[in-house]
Amino acid sequence: MKKVYVVHVVDAEGPLQEDLLANFERVKEEFGYSVNPTHENLKKLQNKEIDLNGLEEVVSRMLSLSRISYNETWDQIDRMPLPPTSLEKHLKIVIKTGGCIIGYVWIMWVLMESIQEGVI
C-alpha cells in the first residue's frame, strides 16, 4: 500500500518589520477601534489600559511583543530556539494546544524534519 503525504503550506511571506501605524491599522480593521498611533498608546493597549468594550485581552495578545517583534536578519533567525525533534514531542504540542497547530513556523519545522529524516 502506498502512502500519500498531504502538506498544508501556509504562505509566510510578508514584511520583516512593521511600523507603529500598522499595528493600529490592524486594531481598526479587526475590531473597529481607532486609537491614536503612539508608542504610549501601544503600551496602553498591551497593558489593557484602554477601554475596548471587553476586547482588551484579545487586543493585548494581538499586540504583545512576541507577536509584533520580527526577526530582521539571518543572525536573529539563527538564534531562534530549535524545534522539537521527535514526532512524539510534536504530538504533545498538538495535544496541549487542543489539537490546533499554532503558527506557520511549526508546520515548516515538521516539514523540514520530515524531509531530513527521509520520511518525505
PDB file of N, CA and C in Angstrom:
ATOM      1  N   MET A   1       0.846  -1.177   0.000  1.00  0.00           N
ATOM      2  CA  MET A   1       0.000   0.000   0.000  1.00  0.00           C
ATOM      3  C   MET A   1       0.895   1.244   0.000  1.00  0.00           C
ATOM      4  N   LYS A   2       0.632   2.168  -0.892  1.00  0.00           N
ATOM      5  CA  LYS A   2       1.424   3.387  -0.987  1.00  0.00           C
ATOM      6  C   LYS A   2       0.904   4.435  -0.018  1.00  0.00           C
ATOM      7  N   LYS A   3       1.827   5.255   0.460  1.00  0.00           N
ATOM      8  CA  LYS A   3       1.462   6.354   1.353  1.00  0.00           C
ATOM      9  C   LYS A   3       1.295   7.624   0.525  1.00  0.00           C
ATOM     10  N   VAL A   4       0.338   8.417   0.908  1.00  0.00           N
ATOM     11  CA  VAL A   4       0.131   9.722   0.287  1.00  0.00           C
ATOM     12  C   VAL A   4       0.368  10.767   1.374  1.00  0.00           C
ATOM     13  N   TYR A   5       1.297  11.675   1.112  1.00  0.00           N
ATOM     14  CA  TYR A   5       1.594  12.731   2.074  1.00  0.00           C
ATOM     15  C   TYR A   5       0.880  14.004   1.643  1.00  0.00           C
ATOM     16  N   VAL A   6       0.171  14.596   2.556  1.00  0.00           N
ATOM     17  CA  VAL A   6      -0.522  15.849   2.301  1.00  0.00           C
ATOM     18  C   VAL A   6       0.148  16.913   3.144  1.00  0.00           C
ATOM     19  N   VAL A   7       0.565  17.983   2.508  1.00  0.00           N
ATOM     20  CA  VAL A   7       1.222  19.074   3.227  1.00  0.00           C
ATOM     21  C   VAL A   7       0.394  20.327   3.035  1.00  0.00           C
ATOM     22  N   HIS A   8       0.008  20.922   4.136  1.00  0.00           N
ATOM     23  CA  HIS A   8      -0.714  22.191   4.093  1.00  0.00           C
ATOM     24  C   HIS A   8       0.343  23.271   4.294  1.00  0.00           C
ATOM     25  N   VAL A   9       0.605  24.049   3.269  1.00  0.00           N
ATOM     26  CA  VAL A   9       1.633  25.077   3.354  1.00  0.00           C
ATOM     27  C   VAL A   9       0.960  26.424   3.572  1.00  0.00           C
ATOM     28  N   VAL A  10       1.460  27.144   4.549  1.00  0.00           N
ATOM     29  CA  VAL A  10       0.947  28.470   4.848  1.00  0.00           C
ATOM     30  C   VAL A  10       1.934  29.480   4.287  1.00  0.00           C
ATOM     31  N   ASP A  11       1.443  30.405   3.494  1.00  0.00           N
ATOM     32  CA  ASP A  11       2.306  31.421   2.903  1.00  0.00           C
ATOM     33  C   ASP A  11       2.855  32.308   4.001  1.00  0.00           C
ATOM     34  N   ALA A  12       4.153  32.292   4.165  1.00  0.00           N
ATOM     35  CA  ALA A  12       4.785  33.048   5.252  1.00  0.00           C
ATOM     36  C   ALA A  12       5.449  34.319   4.750  1.00  0.00           C
ATOM     37  N   GLU A  13       5.168  34.702   3.507  1.00  0.00           N
ATOM     38  CA  GLU A  13       5.760  35.919   3.002  1.00  0.00           C
ATOM     39  C   GLU A  13       5.110  37.123   3.656  1.00  0.00           C
ATOM     40  N   GLY A  14       5.854  38.175   3.756  1.00  0.00           N
ATOM     41  CA  GLY A  14       5.318  39.385   4.352  1.00  0.00           C
ATOM     42  C   GLY A  14       6.442  40.242   4.865  1.00  0.00           C
ATOM     43  N   PRO A  15       6.099  41.333   5.484  1.00  0.00           N
ATOM     44  CA  PRO A  15       7.149  42.236   5.956  1.00  0.00           C
ATOM     45  C   PRO A  15       7.939  41.616   7.113  1.00  0.00           C
ATOM     46  N   LEU A  16       9.231  41.925   7.137  1.00  0.00           N
ATOM     47  CA  LEU A  16      10.052  41.510   8.265  1.00  0.00           C
ATOM     48  C   LEU A  16      10.004  42.552   9.364  1.00  0.00           C
ATOM     49  N   GLN A  17       9.339  43.622   9.071  1.00  0.00           N
ATOM     50  CA  GLN A  17       9.133  44.650  10.083  1.00  0.00           C
ATOM     51  C   GLN A  17       7.878  45.435   9.724  1.00  0.00           C
ATOM     52  N   GLU A  18       7.265  45.990  10.718  1.00  0.00           N
ATOM     53  CA  GLU A  18       6.094  46.836  10.515  1.00  0.00           C
ATOM     54  C   GLU A  18       6.299  48.112  11.292  1.00  0.00           C
ATOM     55  N   ASP A  19       5.783  49.183  10.762  1.00  0.00           N
ATOM     56  CA  ASP A  19       5.880  50.427  11.505  1.00  0.00           C
ATOM     57  C   ASP A  19       4.761  50.485  12.543  1.00  0.00           C
ATOM     58  N   LEU A  20       4.845  51.449  13.406  1.00  0.00           N
ATOM     59  CA  LEU A  20       3.893  51.609  14.503  1.00  0.00           C
ATOM     60  C   LEU A  20       2.456  51.704  13.989  1.00  0.00           C
ATOM     61  N   LEU A  21       2.259  52.447  12.911  1.00  0.00           N
ATOM     62  CA  LEU A  21       0.921  52.664  12.358  1.00  0.00           C
ATOM     63  C   LEU A  21       0.243  51.343  11.965  1.00  0.00           C
ATOM     64  N   ALA A  22       1.007  50.381  11.464  1.00  0.00           N
ATOM     65  CA  ALA A  22       0.426  49.103  11.011  1.00  0.00           C
ATOM     66  C   ALA A  22      -0.292  48.386  12.148  1.00  0.00           C
ATOM     67  N   ASN A  23       0.233  48.469  13.350  1.00  0.00           N
ATOM     68  CA  ASN A  23      -0.418  47.828  14.500  1.00  0.00           C
ATOM     69  C   ASN A  23      -1.786  48.442  14.771  1.00  0.00           C
ATOM     70  N   PHE A  24      -1.871  49.749  14.690  1.00  0.00           N
ATOM     71  CA  PHE A  24      -3.136  50.437  14.959  1.00  0.00           C
ATOM     72  C   PHE A  24      -4.137  50.236  13.815  1.00  0.00           C
ATOM     73  N   GLU A  25      -3.608  50.124  12.598  1.00  0.00           N
ATOM     74  CA  GLU A  25      -4.486  49.830  11.464  1.00  0.00           C
ATOM     75  C   GLU A  25      -5.115  48.444  11.631  1.00  0.00           C
ATOM     76  N   ARG A  26      -4.341  47.494  12.155  1.00  0.00           N
ATOM     77  CA  ARG A  26      -4.862  46.147  12.383  1.00  0.00           C
ATOM     78  C   ARG A  26      -5.941  46.149  13.452  1.00  0.00           C
ATOM     79  N   VAL A  27      -5.763  46.935  14.510  1.00  0.00           N
ATOM     80  CA  VAL A  27      -6.794  47.063  15.553  1.00  0.00           C
ATOM     81  C   VAL A  27      -8.069  47.639  14.944  1.00  0.00           C
ATOM     82  N   LYS A  28      -7.932  48.634  14.085  1.00  0.00           N
ATOM     83  CA  LYS A  28      -9.093  49.247  13.426  1.00  0.00           C
ATOM     84  C   LYS A  28      -9.787  48.246  12.506  1.00  0.00           C
ATOM     85  N   GLU A  29      -9.001  47.527  11.691  1.00  0.00           N
ATOM     86  CA  GLU A  29      -9.573  46.567  10.742  1.00  0.00           C
ATOM     87  C   GLU A  29     -10.241  45.390  11.445  1.00  0.00           C
ATOM     88  N   GLU A  30      -9.606  44.857  12.475  1.00  0.00           N
ATOM     89  CA  GLU A  30     -10.106  43.655  13.136  1.00  0.00           C
ATOM     90  C   GLU A  30     -11.233  43.930  14.133  1.00  0.00           C
ATOM     91  N   PHE A  31     -11.144  45.076  14.828  1.00  0.00           N
ATOM     92  CA  PHE A  31     -12.070  45.314  15.938  1.00  0.00           C
ATOM     93  C   PHE A  31     -12.871  46.605  15.834  1.00  0.00           C
ATOM     94  N   GLY A  32     -12.541  47.446  14.850  1.00  0.00           N
ATOM     95  CA  GLY A  32     -13.309  48.660  14.644  1.00  0.00           C
ATOM     96  C   GLY A  32     -12.970  49.809  15.582  1.00  0.00           C
ATOM     97  N   TYR A  33     -11.850  49.726  16.292  1.00  0.00           N
ATOM     98  CA  TYR A  33     -11.467  50.792  17.212  1.00  0.00           C
ATOM     99  C   TYR A  33     -10.335  51.617  16.628  1.00  0.00           C
ATOM    100  N   SER A  34     -10.533  52.931  16.590  1.00  0.00           N
ATOM    101  CA  SER A  34      -9.485  53.857  16.158  1.00  0.00           C
ATOM    102  C   SER A  34      -8.795  54.405  17.395  1.00  0.00           C
ATOM    103  N   VAL A  35      -7.503  54.157  17.472  1.00  0.00           N
ATOM    104  CA  VAL A  35      -6.698  54.644  18.593  1.00  0.00           C
ATOM    105  C   VAL A  35      -5.547  55.429  17.998  1.00  0.00           C
ATOM    106  N   ASN A  36      -5.244  56.576  18.580  1.00  0.00           N
ATOM    107  CA  ASN A  36      -4.153  57.409  18.104  1.00  0.00           C
ATOM    108  C   ASN A  36      -2.848  56.605  18.126  1.00  0.00           C
ATOM    109  N   PRO A  37      -2.159  56.452  16.979  1.00  0.00           N
ATOM    110  CA  PRO A  37      -0.973  55.588  16.902  1.00  0.00           C
ATOM    111  C   PRO A  37       0.284  56.204  17.519  1.00  0.00           C
ATOM    112  N   THR A  38       0.412  56.031  18.818  1.00  0.00           N
ATOM    113  CA  THR A  38       1.609  56.494  19.518  1.00  0.00           C
ATOM    114  C   THR A  38       2.218  55.317  20.276  1.00  0.00           C
ATOM    115  N   HIS A  39       3.493  55.431  20.606  1.00  0.00           N
ATOM    116  CA  HIS A  39       4.149  54.381  21.407  1.00  0.00           C
ATOM    117  C   HIS A  39       3.473  54.252  22.770  1.00  0.00           C
ATOM    118  N   GLU A  40       3.052  55.380  23.319  1.00  0.00           N
ATOM    119  CA  GLU A  40       2.364  55.365  24.616  1.00  0.00           C
ATOM    120  C   GLU A  40       1.058  54.573  24.530  1.00  0.00           C
ATOM    121  N   ASN A  41       0.290  54.800  23.482  1.00  0.00           N
ATOM    122  CA  ASN A  41      -0.973  54.067  23.323  1.00  0.00           C
ATOM    123  C   ASN A  41      -0.746  52.590  23.015  1.00  0.00           C
ATOM    124  N   LEU A  42       0.337  52.271  22.320  1.00  0.00           N
ATOM    125  CA  LEU A  42       0.657  50.864  22.084  1.00  0.00           C
ATOM    126  C   LEU A  42       0.889  50.161  23.420  1.00  0.00           C
ATOM    127  N   LYS A  43       1.662  50.778  24.291  1.00  0.00           N
ATOM    128  CA  LYS A  43       1.905  50.213  25.630  1.00  0.00           C
ATOM    129  C   LYS A  43       0.591  50.070  26.402  1.00  0.00           C
ATOM    130  N   LYS A  44      -0.263  51.076  26.299  1.00  0.00           N
ATOM    131  CA  LYS A  44      -1.550  51.022  27.000  1.00  0.00           C
ATOM    132  C   LYS A  44      -2.403  49.871  26.475  1.00  0.00           C
ATOM    133  N   LEU A  45      -2.422  49.673  25.164  1.00  0.00           N
ATOM    134  CA  LEU A  45      -3.184  48.553  24.599  1.00  0.00           C
ATOM    135  C   LEU A  45      -2.588  47.216  25.054  1.00  0.00           C
ATOM    136  N   GLN A  46      -1.270  47.128  25.068  1.00  0.00           N
ATOM    137  CA  GLN A  46      -0.610  45.903  25.518  1.00  0.00           C
ATOM    138  C   GLN A  46      -0.916  45.614  26.988  1.00  0.00           C
ATOM    139  N   ASN A  47      -1.072  46.668  27.775  1.00  0.00           N
ATOM    140  CA  ASN A  47      -1.337  46.522  29.213  1.00  0.00           C
ATOM    141  C   ASN A  47      -2.821  46.585  29.564  1.00  0.00           C
ATOM    142  N   LYS A  48      -3.682  46.567  28.532  1.00  0.00           N
ATOM    143  CA  LYS A  48      -5.145  46.578  28.711  1.00  0.00           C
ATOM    144  C   LYS A  48      -5.626  47.817  29.467  1.00  0.00           C
ATOM    145  N   GLU A  49      -5.031  48.960  29.172  1.00  0.00           N
ATOM    146  CA  GLU A  49      -5.356  50.204  29.872  1.00  0.00           C
ATOM    147  C   GLU A  49      -6.271  51.121  29.062  1.00  0.00           C
ATOM    148  N   ILE A  50      -6.688  50.679  27.882  1.00  0.00           N
ATOM    149  CA  ILE A  50      -7.633  51.453  27.066  1.00  0.00           C
ATOM    150  C   ILE A  50      -8.907  50.626  26.952  1.00  0.00           C
ATOM    151  N   ASP A  51     -10.030  51.246  27.267  1.00  0.00           N
ATOM    152  CA  ASP A  51     -11.316  50.539  27.227  1.00  0.00           C
ATOM    153  C   ASP A  51     -11.687  50.189  25.794  1.00  0.00           C
ATOM    154  N   LEU A  52     -11.855  48.896  25.546  1.00  0.00           N
ATOM    155  CA  LEU A  52     -12.249  48.406  24.225  1.00  0.00           C
ATOM    156  C   LEU A  52     -13.511  47.555  24.321  1.00  0.00           C
ATOM    157  N   ASN A  53     -14.333  47.873  25.318  1.00  0.00           N
ATOM    158  CA  ASN A  53     -15.622  47.205  25.471  1.00  0.00           C
ATOM    159  C   ASN A  53     -15.501  45.679  25.543  1.00  0.00           C
ATOM    160  N   GLY A  54     -14.551  45.207  26.362  1.00  0.00           N
ATOM    161  CA  GLY A  54     -14.392  43.771  26.572  1.00  0.00           C
ATOM    162  C   GLY A  54     -13.372  43.098  25.673  1.00  0.00           C
ATOM    163  N   LEU A  55     -12.781  43.831  24.746  1.00  0.00           N
ATOM    164  CA  LEU A  55     -11.807  43.234  23.825  1.00  0.00           C
ATOM    165  C   LEU A  55     -10.356  43.507  24.243  1.00  0.00           C
ATOM    166  N   GLU A  56     -10.179  44.023  25.442  1.00  0.00           N
ATOM    167  CA  GLU A  56      -8.837  44.403  25.892  1.00  0.00           C
ATOM    168  C   GLU A  56      -7.846  43.229  25.867  1.00  0.00           C
ATOM    169  N   GLU A  57      -8.280  42.071  26.339  1.00  0.00           N
ATOM    170  CA  GLU A  57      -7.396  40.895  26.397  1.00  0.00           C
ATOM    171  C   GLU A  57      -6.985  40.438  25.002  1.00  0.00           C
ATOM    172  N   VAL A  58      -7.934  40.371  24.088  1.00  0.00           N
ATOM    173  CA  VAL A  58      -7.658  39.917  22.727  1.00  0.00           C
ATOM    174  C   VAL A  58      -6.689  40.872  22.034  1.00  0.00           C
ATOM    175  N   VAL A  59      -6.945  42.165  22.161  1.00  0.00           N
ATOM    176  CA  VAL A  59      -6.074  43.162  21.531  1.00  0.00           C
ATOM    177  C   VAL A  59      -4.695  43.134  22.178  1.00  0.00           C
ATOM    178  N   SER A  60      -4.647  42.980  23.491  1.00  0.00           N
ATOM    179  CA  SER A  60      -3.373  42.903  24.194  1.00  0.00           C
ATOM    180  C   SER A  60      -2.534  41.737  23.681  1.00  0.00           C
ATOM    181  N   ARG A  61      -3.161  40.577  23.488  1.00  0.00           N
ATOM    182  CA  ARG A  61      -2.435  39.412  22.959  1.00  0.00           C
ATOM    183  C   ARG A  61      -1.992  39.648  21.521  1.00  0.00           C
ATOM    184  N   MET A  62      -2.854  40.266  20.715  1.00  0.00           N
ATOM    185  CA  MET A  62      -2.511  40.524  19.324  1.00  0.00           C
ATOM    186  C   MET A  62      -1.297  41.455  19.207  1.00  0.00           C
ATOM    187  N   LEU A  63      -1.176  42.388  20.150  1.00  0.00           N
ATOM    188  CA  LEU A  63      -0.102  43.380  20.101  1.00  0.00           C
ATOM    189  C   LEU A  63       1.047  43.062  21.059  1.00  0.00           C
ATOM    190  N   SER A  64       1.081  41.855  21.604  1.00  0.00           N
ATOM    191  CA  SER A  64       2.156  41.505  22.539  1.00  0.00           C
ATOM    192  C   SER A  64       3.500  41.568  21.818  1.00  0.00           C
ATOM    193  N   LEU A  65       4.548  41.805  22.568  1.00  0.00           N
ATOM    194  CA  LEU A  65       5.879  41.923  21.974  1.00  0.00           C
ATOM    195  C   LEU A  65       6.266  40.674  21.196  1.00  0.00           C
ATOM    196  N   SER A  66       5.850  39.521  21.676  1.00  0.00           N
ATOM    197  CA  SER A  66       6.216  38.285  20.978  1.00  0.00           C
ATOM    198  C   SER A  66       5.561  38.204  19.595  1.00  0.00           C
ATOM    199  N   ARG A  67       4.469  38.934  19.397  1.00  0.00           N
ATOM    200  CA  ARG A  67       3.788  38.897  18.098  1.00  0.00           C
ATOM    201  C   ARG A  67       4.161  40.053  17.177  1.00  0.00           C
ATOM    202  N   ILE A  68       4.641  41.145  17.730  1.00  0.00           N
ATOM    203  CA  ILE A  68       4.960  42.288  16.864  1.00  0.00           C
ATOM    204  C   ILE A  68       6.463  42.497  16.713  1.00  0.00           C
ATOM    205  N   SER A  69       7.257  41.618  17.303  1.00  0.00           N
ATOM    206  CA  SER A  69       8.710  41.677  17.123  1.00  0.00           C
ATOM    207  C   SER A  69       9.077  40.712  16.012  1.00  0.00           C
ATOM    208  N   TYR A  70       9.868  41.163  15.071  1.00  0.00           N
ATOM    209  CA  TYR A  70      10.205  40.356  13.909  1.00  0.00           C
ATOM    210  C   TYR A  70      11.692  40.076  13.862  1.00  0.00           C
ATOM    211  N   ASN A  71      12.046  38.928  13.324  1.00  0.00           N
ATOM    212  CA  ASN A  71      13.443  38.632  13.040  1.00  0.00           C
ATOM    213  C   ASN A  71      13.785  39.315  11.732  1.00  0.00           C
ATOM    214  N   GLU A  72      14.701  40.277  11.797  1.00  0.00           N
ATOM    215  CA  GLU A  72      15.011  41.080  10.625  1.00  0.00           C
ATOM    216  C   GLU A  72      16.283  40.635   9.918  1.00  0.00           C
ATOM    217  N   THR A  73      17.074  39.787  10.567  1.00  0.00           N
ATOM    218  CA  THR A  73      18.332  39.339   9.971  1.00  0.00           C
ATOM    219  C   THR A  73      18.465  37.827  10.122  1.00  0.00           C
ATOM    220  N   TRP A  74      19.347  37.228   9.314  1.00  0.00           N
ATOM    221  CA  TRP A  74      19.600  35.791   9.437  1.00  0.00           C
ATOM    222  C   TRP A  74      20.205  35.466  10.793  1.00  0.00           C
ATOM    223  N   ASP A  75      21.001  36.371  11.336  1.00  0.00           N
ATOM    224  CA  ASP A  75      21.597  36.151  12.657  1.00  0.00           C
ATOM    225  C   ASP A  75      20.508  36.006  13.723  1.00  0.00           C
ATOM    226  N   GLN A  76      19.484  36.839  13.652  1.00  0.00           N
ATOM    227  CA  GLN A  76      18.366  36.728  14.596  1.00  0.00           C
ATOM    228  C   GLN A  76      17.620  35.411  14.400  1.00  0.00           C
ATOM    229  N   ILE A  77      17.446  34.998  13.160  1.00  0.00           N
ATOM    230  CA  ILE A  77      16.765  33.738  12.878  1.00  0.00           C
ATOM    231  C   ILE A  77      17.588  32.570  13.402  1.00  0.00           C
ATOM    232  N   ASP A  78      18.910  32.634  13.231  1.00  0.00           N
ATOM    233  CA  ASP A  78      19.777  31.563  13.718  1.00  0.00           C
ATOM    234  C   ASP A  78      19.732  31.425  15.238  1.00  0.00           C
ATOM    235  N   ARG A  79      19.390  32.489  15.951  1.00  0.00           N
ATOM    236  CA  ARG A  79      19.325  32.438  17.420  1.00  0.00           C
ATOM    237  C   ARG A  79      17.982  31.931  17.940  1.00  0.00           C
ATOM    238  N   MET A  80      17.029  31.666  17.021  1.00  0.00           N
ATOM    239  CA  MET A  80      15.724  31.151  17.447  1.00  0.00           C
ATOM    240  C   MET A  80      15.896  29.779  18.079  1.00  0.00           C
ATOM    241  N   PRO A  81      15.048  29.445  19.057  1.00  0.00           N
ATOM    242  CA  PRO A  81      15.137  28.104  19.653  1.00  0.00           C
ATOM    243  C   PRO A  81      14.872  27.037  18.595  1.00  0.00           C
ATOM    244  N   LEU A  82      15.569  25.930  18.734  1.00  0.00           N
ATOM    245  CA  LEU A  82      15.349  24.820  17.805  1.00  0.00           C
ATOM    246  C   LEU A  82      14.012  24.162  18.101  1.00  0.00           C
ATOM    247  N   PRO A  83      13.389  23.615  17.071  1.00  0.00           N
ATOM    248  CA  PRO A  83      12.092  22.951  17.271  1.00  0.00           C
ATOM    249  C   PRO A  83      12.263  21.599  17.951  1.00  0.00           C
ATOM    250  N   PRO A  84      11.178  21.060  18.479  1.00  0.00           N
ATOM    251  CA  PRO A  84      11.244  19.687  18.983  1.00  0.00           C
ATOM    252  C   PRO A  84      11.681  18.771  17.850  1.00  0.00           C
ATOM    253  N   THR A  85      12.349  17.669  18.189  1.00  0.00           N
ATOM    254  CA  THR A  85      12.924  16.844  17.125  1.00  0.00           C
ATOM    255  C   THR A  85      12.249  15.496  16.940  1.00  0.00           C
ATOM    256  N   SER A  86      11.248  15.199  17.710  1.00  0.00           N
ATOM    257  CA  SER A  86      10.618  13.897  17.514  1.00  0.00           C
ATOM    258  C   SER A  86       9.120  14.065  17.292  1.00  0.00           C
ATOM    259  N   LEU A  87       8.549  13.102  16.586  1.00  0.00           N
ATOM    260  CA  LEU A  87       7.112  13.121  16.346  1.00  0.00           C
ATOM    261  C   LEU A  87       6.350  13.116  17.660  1.00  0.00           C
ATOM    262  N   GLU A  88       6.863  12.382  18.637  1.00  0.00           N
ATOM    263  CA  GLU A  88       6.208  12.329  19.952  1.00  0.00           C
ATOM    264  C   GLU A  88       6.106  13.730  20.555  1.00  0.00           C
ATOM    265  N   LYS A  89       7.186  14.500  20.471  1.00  0.00           N
ATOM    266  CA  LYS A  89       7.162  15.867  21.014  1.00  0.00           C
ATOM    267  C   LYS A  89       6.183  16.736  20.228  1.00  0.00           C
ATOM    268  N   HIS A  90       6.151  16.570  18.903  1.00  0.00           N
ATOM    269  CA  HIS A  90       5.213  17.334  18.087  1.00  0.00           C
ATOM    270  C   HIS A  90       3.772  17.021  18.497  1.00  0.00           C
ATOM    271  N   LEU A  91       3.476  15.750  18.692  1.00  0.00           N
ATOM    272  CA  LEU A  91       2.115  15.365  19.072  1.00  0.00           C
ATOM    273  C   LEU A  91       1.741  15.931  20.430  1.00  0.00           C
ATOM    274  N   LYS A  92       2.707  15.989  21.352  1.00  0.00           N
ATOM    275  CA  LYS A  92       2.433  16.575  22.667  1.00  0.00           C
ATOM    276  C   LYS A  92       2.041  18.042  22.526  1.00  0.00           C
ATOM    277  N   ILE A  93       2.700  18.744  21.609  1.00  0.00           N
ATOM    278  CA  ILE A  93       2.363  20.154  21.376  1.00  0.00           C
ATOM    279  C   ILE A  93       0.938  20.256  20.842  1.00  0.00           C
ATOM    280  N   VAL A  94       0.587  19.410  19.894  1.00  0.00           N
ATOM    281  CA  VAL A  94      -0.764  19.434  19.327  1.00  0.00           C
ATOM    282  C   VAL A  94      -1.792  19.139  20.401  1.00  0.00           C
ATOM    283  N   ILE A  95      -1.517  18.157  21.256  1.00  0.00           N
ATOM    284  CA  ILE A  95      -2.448  17.803  22.331  1.00  0.00           C
ATOM    285  C   ILE A  95      -2.585  18.968  23.313  1.00  0.00           C
ATOM    286  N   LYS A  96      -1.478  19.602  23.683  1.00  0.00           N
ATOM    287  CA  LYS A  96      -1.518  20.716  24.638  1.00  0.00           C
ATOM    288  C   LYS A  96      -2.278  21.915  24.095  1.00  0.00           C
ATOM    289  N   THR A  97      -2.283  22.094  22.781  1.00  0.00           N
ATOM    290  CA  THR A  97      -2.989  23.235  22.197  1.00  0.00           C
ATOM    291  C   THR A  97      -4.397  22.854  21.761  1.00  0.00           C
ATOM    292  N   GLY A  98      -4.886  21.726  22.241  1.00  0.00           N
ATOM    293  CA  GLY A  98      -6.249  21.324  21.927  1.00  0.00           C
ATOM    294  C   GLY A  98      -6.423  20.877  20.491  1.00  0.00           C
ATOM    295  N   GLY A  99      -5.344  20.357  19.902  1.00  0.00           N
ATOM    296  CA  GLY A  99      -5.440  19.872  18.534  1.00  0.00           C
ATOM    297  C   GLY A  99      -5.161  20.917  17.489  1.00  0.00           C
ATOM    298  N   CYS A 100      -4.835  22.127  17.906  1.00  0.00           N
ATOM    299  CA  CYS A 100      -4.560  23.191  16.950  1.00  0.00           C
ATOM    300  C   CYS A 100      -3.056  23.350  16.779  1.00  0.00           C
ATOM    301  N   ILE A 101      -2.637  23.484  15.551  1.00  0.00           N
ATOM    302  CA  ILE A 101      -1.236  23.790  15.281  1.00  0.00           C
ATOM    303  C   ILE A 101      -1.160  25.298  15.140  1.00  0.00           C
ATOM    304  N   ILE A 102      -0.399  25.919  16.024  1.00  0.00           N
ATOM    305  CA  ILE A 102      -0.365  27.373  16.058  1.00  0.00           C
ATOM    306  C   ILE A 102       0.891  27.872  15.355  1.00  0.00           C
ATOM    307  N   GLY A 103       0.723  28.570  14.263  1.00  0.00           N
ATOM    308  CA  GLY A 103       1.823  29.238  13.598  1.00  0.00           C
ATOM    309  C   GLY A 103       2.441  28.441  12.466  1.00  0.00           C
ATOM    310  N   TYR A 104       2.817  29.151  11.423  1.00  0.00           N
ATOM    311  CA  TYR A 104       3.411  28.502  10.253  1.00  0.00           C
ATOM    312  C   TYR A 104       4.787  27.951  10.550  1.00  0.00           C
ATOM    313  N   VAL A 105       5.498  28.519  11.531  1.00  0.00           N
ATOM    314  CA  VAL A 105       6.849  28.044  11.836  1.00  0.00           C
ATOM    315  C   VAL A 105       6.799  26.576  12.228  1.00  0.00           C
ATOM    316  N   TRP A 106       5.820  26.200  13.047  1.00  0.00           N
ATOM    317  CA  TRP A 106       5.685  24.803  13.476  1.00  0.00           C
ATOM    318  C   TRP A 106       5.482  23.902  12.273  1.00  0.00           C
ATOM    319  N   ILE A 107       4.635  24.302  11.342  1.00  0.00           N
ATOM    320  CA  ILE A 107       4.365  23.499  10.155  1.00  0.00           C
ATOM    321  C   ILE A 107       5.636  23.339   9.337  1.00  0.00           C
ATOM    322  N   MET A 108       6.374  24.415   9.161  1.00  0.00           N
ATOM    323  CA  MET A 108       7.598  24.339   8.378  1.00  0.00           C
ATOM    324  C   MET A 108       8.633  23.455   9.063  1.00  0.00           C
ATOM    325  N   TRP A 109       8.728  23.514  10.413  1.00  0.00           N
ATOM    326  CA  TRP A 109       9.673  22.651  11.124  1.00  0.00           C
ATOM    327  C   TRP A 109       9.331  21.183  10.892  1.00  0.00           C
ATOM    328  N   VAL A 110       8.050  20.851  10.999  1.00  0.00           N
ATOM    329  CA  VAL A 110       7.632  19.468  10.791  1.00  0.00           C
ATOM    330  C   VAL A 110       7.985  19.036   9.371  1.00  0.00           C
ATOM    331  N   LEU A 111       7.716  19.871   8.397  1.00  0.00           N
ATOM    332  CA  LEU A 111       8.013  19.556   7.010  1.00  0.00           C
ATOM    333  C   LEU A 111       9.517  19.363   6.804  1.00  0.00           C
ATOM    334  N   MET A 112      10.317  20.291   7.329  1.00  0.00           N
ATOM    335  CA  MET A 112      11.775  20.205   7.160  1.00  0.00           C
ATOM    336  C   MET A 112      12.322  18.956   7.843  1.00  0.00           C
ATOM    337  N   GLU A 113      11.855  18.647   9.040  1.00  0.00           N
ATOM    338  CA  GLU A 113      12.320  17.453   9.740  1.00  0.00           C
ATOM    339  C   GLU A 113      11.936  16.193   8.983  1.00  0.00           C
ATOM    340  N   SER A 114      10.736  16.170   8.421  1.00  0.00           N
ATOM    341  CA  SER A 114      10.292  15.004   7.664  1.00  0.00           C
ATOM    342  C   SER A 114      11.180  14.777   6.448  1.00  0.00           C
ATOM    343  N   ILE A 115      11.546  15.846   5.786  1.00  0.00           N
ATOM    344  CA  ILE A 115      12.423  15.739   4.613  1.00  0.00           C
ATOM    345  C   ILE A 115      13.808  15.263   5.052  1.00  0.00           C
ATOM    346  N   GLN A 116      14.343  15.869   6.129  1.00  0.00           N
ATOM    347  CA  GLN A 116      15.676  15.497   6.603  1.00  0.00           C
ATOM    348  C   GLN A 116      15.739  14.045   7.064  1.00  0.00           C
ATOM    349  N   GLU A 117      14.662  13.541   7.657  1.00  0.00           N
ATOM    350  CA  GLU A 117      14.632  12.178   8.147  1.00  0.00           C
ATOM    351  C   GLU A 117      14.264  11.185   7.055  1.00  0.00           C
ATOM    352  N   GLY A 118      14.002  11.694   5.846  1.00  0.00           N
ATOM    353  CA  GLY A 118      13.692  10.824   4.729  1.00  0.00           C
ATOM    354  C   GLY A 118      12.280  10.278   4.737  1.00  0.00           C
ATOM    355  N   VAL A 119      11.408  10.876   5.549  1.00  0.00           N
ATOM    356  CA  VAL A 119      10.017  10.433   5.596  1.00  0.00           C
ATOM    357  C   VAL A 119       9.295  10.856   4.331  1.00  0.00           C
ATOM    358  N   ILE A 120       9.644  12.023   3.839  1.00  0.00           N
ATOM    359  CA  ILE A 120       9.008  12.532   2.603  1.00  0.00           C
ATOM    360  C   ILE A 120      10.064  12.531   1.501  1.00  0.00           C
TER     361      ILE A 120
END
